[in-house]
């Protein structure tokens, strides 16, 4: 019994440099981190254009992130079934009226094997004339990676409520 206790004590007091190297399971998933960074960058660029979409070239830039057959599901505004319809709604109801901000710390990204990624988070909307942020909602965006390019195929914007 003394030998076992001595072995346990000796192993417990080994210096950290003598410990076995971390396994692959312990290593951060570099691919997932890179995907998160890619989608976060895409989100920032897409909504930078959205926030300035009262300029026609910015609305065109914003539209360029969406597949022609994008489906947009909005709990208050309903469903649009194409980029053309979605951009028409954006032009009429958002451009020059609202800006969008991602709520810090809410962005999550999940890979879709062989397709792209799911982006989820919370965003708030601010009045263009006052800067007052008085609306908040959750969102889910499905990104497709095709021929080296990322495009949005589905958007869900839901749980809209007044900011507290």
Protein backbone atom coordinates (compact mmCIF):
# COMPACT_ATOMS: atom_id res chain seq x y z
CA UNK A 1 0.00 0.00 0.00
CA UNK A 2 2.91 2.36 0.74
CA UNK A 3 4.18 1.86 -2.79
CA UNK A 4 0.81 2.78 -4.36
CA UNK A 5 0.50 5.88 -2.16
CA UNK A 6 4.06 6.90 -3.08
CA UNK A 7 3.32 6.46 -6.79
CA UNK A 8 0.14 8.55 -6.58
CA UNK A 9 2.00 11.27 -4.67
CA UNK A 10 4.87 11.24 -7.18
CA UNK A 11 2.57 11.43 -10.20
CA UNK A 12 0.51 14.19 -8.62
CA UNK A 13 3.59 16.31 -8.07
CA UNK A 14 5.06 15.96 -11.59
CA UNK A 15 5.89 19.29 -13.24
CA UNK A 16 3.56 20.47 -16.00
CA UNK A 17 6.27 20.01 -18.65
CA UNK A 18 6.29 16.27 -17.88
CA UNK A 19 2.56 15.90 -18.54
CA UNK A 20 1.49 14.23 -21.78
CA UNK A 21 0.71 16.58 -24.68
CA UNK A 22 -2.94 17.55 -25.15
CA UNK A 23 -4.94 15.24 -27.37
CA UNK A 24 -6.66 16.34 -30.57
CA UNK A 25 -9.89 16.50 -28.58
CA UNK A 26 -8.34 19.15 -26.31
CA UNK A 27 -7.08 21.33 -29.17
CA UNK A 28 -9.29 24.19 -30.37
CA UNK A 29 -11.11 23.50 -33.60
CA UNK A 30 -9.27 25.84 -35.94
CA UNK A 31 -11.73 25.21 -38.79
CA UNK A 32 -14.70 26.21 -36.62
CA UNK A 33 -12.85 29.32 -35.42
CA UNK A 34 -12.06 30.27 -39.03
CA UNK A 35 -15.70 29.70 -40.02
CA UNK A 36 -16.86 31.92 -37.16
CA UNK A 37 -14.47 34.68 -38.28
CA UNK A 38 -15.61 34.33 -41.91
CA UNK A 39 -19.31 34.54 -41.06
CA UNK A 40 -18.77 37.40 -38.59
CA UNK A 41 -16.94 39.34 -41.31
CA UNK A 42 -19.70 38.60 -43.84
CA UNK A 43 -22.37 39.69 -41.35
CA UNK A 44 -20.55 42.96 -40.64
CA UNK A 45 -20.10 43.74 -44.34
CA UNK A 46 -23.66 42.77 -45.29
CA UNK A 47 -25.16 44.96 -42.58
CA UNK A 48 -22.74 47.82 -43.23
CA UNK A 49 -24.34 47.98 -46.68
CA UNK A 50 -27.83 47.59 -45.14
CA UNK A 51 -27.16 50.49 -42.77
CA UNK A 52 -26.29 52.73 -45.73
CA UNK A 53 -28.84 51.32 -48.18
CA UNK A 54 -30.46 54.70 -48.86
CA UNK A 55 -27.56 55.05 -51.34
CA UNK A 56 -28.45 52.89 -54.38
CA UNK A 57 -24.95 51.42 -54.68
CA UNK A 58 -25.10 50.28 -51.04
CA UNK A 59 -28.52 48.67 -51.56
CA UNK A 60 -27.04 46.84 -54.57
CA UNK A 61 -24.07 45.79 -52.46
CA UNK A 62 -26.44 44.53 -49.74
CA UNK A 63 -28.51 42.62 -52.33
CA UNK A 64 -25.35 40.92 -53.61
CA UNK A 65 -25.09 38.87 -50.40
CA UNK A 66 -28.36 37.03 -51.10
CA UNK A 67 -29.14 34.13 -53.41
CA UNK A 68 -31.76 34.98 -56.07
CA UNK A 69 -34.15 32.48 -54.44
CA UNK A 70 -33.55 33.61 -50.84
CA UNK A 71 -36.42 33.03 -48.44
CA UNK A 72 -36.89 35.65 -45.73
CA UNK A 73 -39.18 34.84 -42.80
CA UNK A 74 -40.11 37.78 -40.56
CA UNK A 75 -42.48 37.25 -37.64
CA UNK A 76 -44.17 40.62 -38.19
CA UNK A 77 -43.61 41.38 -41.88
CA UNK A 78 -44.33 37.89 -43.24
CA UNK A 79 -42.43 35.94 -45.88
CA UNK A 80 -40.65 36.98 -49.05
CA UNK A 81 -39.66 34.30 -51.55
CA UNK A 82 -36.97 36.05 -53.61
CA UNK A 83 -34.10 38.50 -53.43
CA UNK A 84 -36.07 40.92 -55.59
CA UNK A 85 -39.05 40.98 -53.19
CA UNK A 86 -36.84 41.12 -50.11
CA UNK A 87 -34.81 44.05 -51.45
CA UNK A 88 -38.01 45.89 -52.44
CA UNK A 89 -39.21 45.54 -48.82
CA UNK A 90 -35.82 46.68 -47.53
CA UNK A 91 -35.88 49.72 -49.83
CA UNK A 92 -39.41 50.67 -48.76
CA UNK A 93 -39.34 49.93 -45.04
CA UNK A 94 -35.73 50.05 -43.83
CA UNK A 95 -33.44 52.20 -45.98
CA UNK A 96 -33.06 55.61 -44.42
CA UNK A 97 -35.31 54.60 -41.51
CA UNK A 98 -33.34 52.05 -39.48
CA UNK A 99 -29.86 50.76 -38.90
CA UNK A 100 -29.01 47.33 -37.54
CA UNK A 101 -26.52 46.51 -34.78
CA UNK A 102 -25.43 43.05 -33.74
CA UNK A 103 -25.76 42.67 -29.96
CA UNK A 104 -22.20 41.97 -28.76
CA UNK A 105 -21.57 38.45 -27.54
CA UNK A 106 -24.66 36.91 -29.17
CA UNK A 107 -23.24 35.67 -32.47
CA UNK A 108 -23.03 31.89 -32.87
CA UNK A 109 -21.95 30.00 -35.99
CA UNK A 110 -22.48 26.33 -36.78
CA UNK A 111 -21.05 24.48 -39.80
CA UNK A 112 -23.32 22.66 -42.24
CA UNK A 113 -21.22 19.86 -43.71
CA UNK A 114 -20.86 20.17 -47.48
CA UNK A 115 -23.03 23.29 -47.65
CA UNK A 116 -22.07 26.28 -45.52
CA UNK A 117 -23.06 27.59 -42.12
CA UNK A 118 -25.87 28.62 -39.80
CA UNK A 119 -25.51 32.01 -38.13
CA UNK A 120 -27.58 32.90 -35.07
CA UNK A 121 -27.67 35.93 -32.85
CA UNK A 122 -29.57 38.90 -31.56
CA UNK A 123 -29.73 42.26 -33.25
CA UNK A 124 -31.23 45.62 -32.46
CA UNK A 125 -32.58 48.28 -34.76
CA UNK A 126 -31.99 51.97 -34.32
CA UNK A 127 -33.97 54.92 -35.68
CA UNK A 128 -32.01 56.75 -38.37
CA UNK A 129 -33.30 60.17 -37.37
CA UNK A 130 -32.79 59.89 -33.59
CA UNK A 131 -30.24 57.09 -33.24
CA UNK A 132 -32.52 55.60 -30.60
CA UNK A 133 -32.35 51.79 -30.57
CA UNK A 134 -35.86 50.70 -29.75
CA UNK A 135 -36.26 47.29 -31.36
CA UNK A 136 -34.57 43.96 -30.70
CA UNK A 137 -34.97 40.51 -32.26
CA UNK A 138 -33.30 37.16 -32.73
CA UNK A 139 -32.15 35.98 -36.13
CA UNK A 140 -30.96 32.91 -37.97
CA UNK A 141 -29.19 33.12 -41.33
CA UNK A 142 -28.27 30.15 -43.52
CA UNK A 143 -25.13 30.77 -45.60
CA UNK A 144 -24.23 28.63 -48.62
CA UNK A 145 -20.62 28.39 -49.79
CA UNK A 146 -20.63 27.75 -53.52
CA UNK A 147 -17.81 28.19 -56.06
CA UNK A 148 -15.68 30.10 -53.54
CA UNK A 149 -18.47 32.55 -52.72
CA UNK A 150 -20.77 32.86 -49.70
CA UNK A 151 -24.46 33.72 -50.16
CA UNK A 152 -27.50 33.85 -47.90
CA UNK A 153 -30.23 31.35 -48.76
CA UNK A 154 -32.57 31.67 -45.76
CA UNK A 155 -33.20 34.34 -43.14
CA UNK A 156 -35.40 34.13 -40.06
CA UNK A 157 -35.95 37.28 -38.02
CA UNK A 158 -38.20 36.68 -35.03
CA UNK A 159 -39.05 37.59 -31.47
CA UNK A 160 -39.26 41.28 -32.29
CA UNK A 161 -39.87 43.41 -29.23
CA UNK A 162 -39.15 46.84 -27.88
CA UNK A 163 -35.70 47.25 -26.37
CA UNK A 164 -35.73 47.52 -22.62
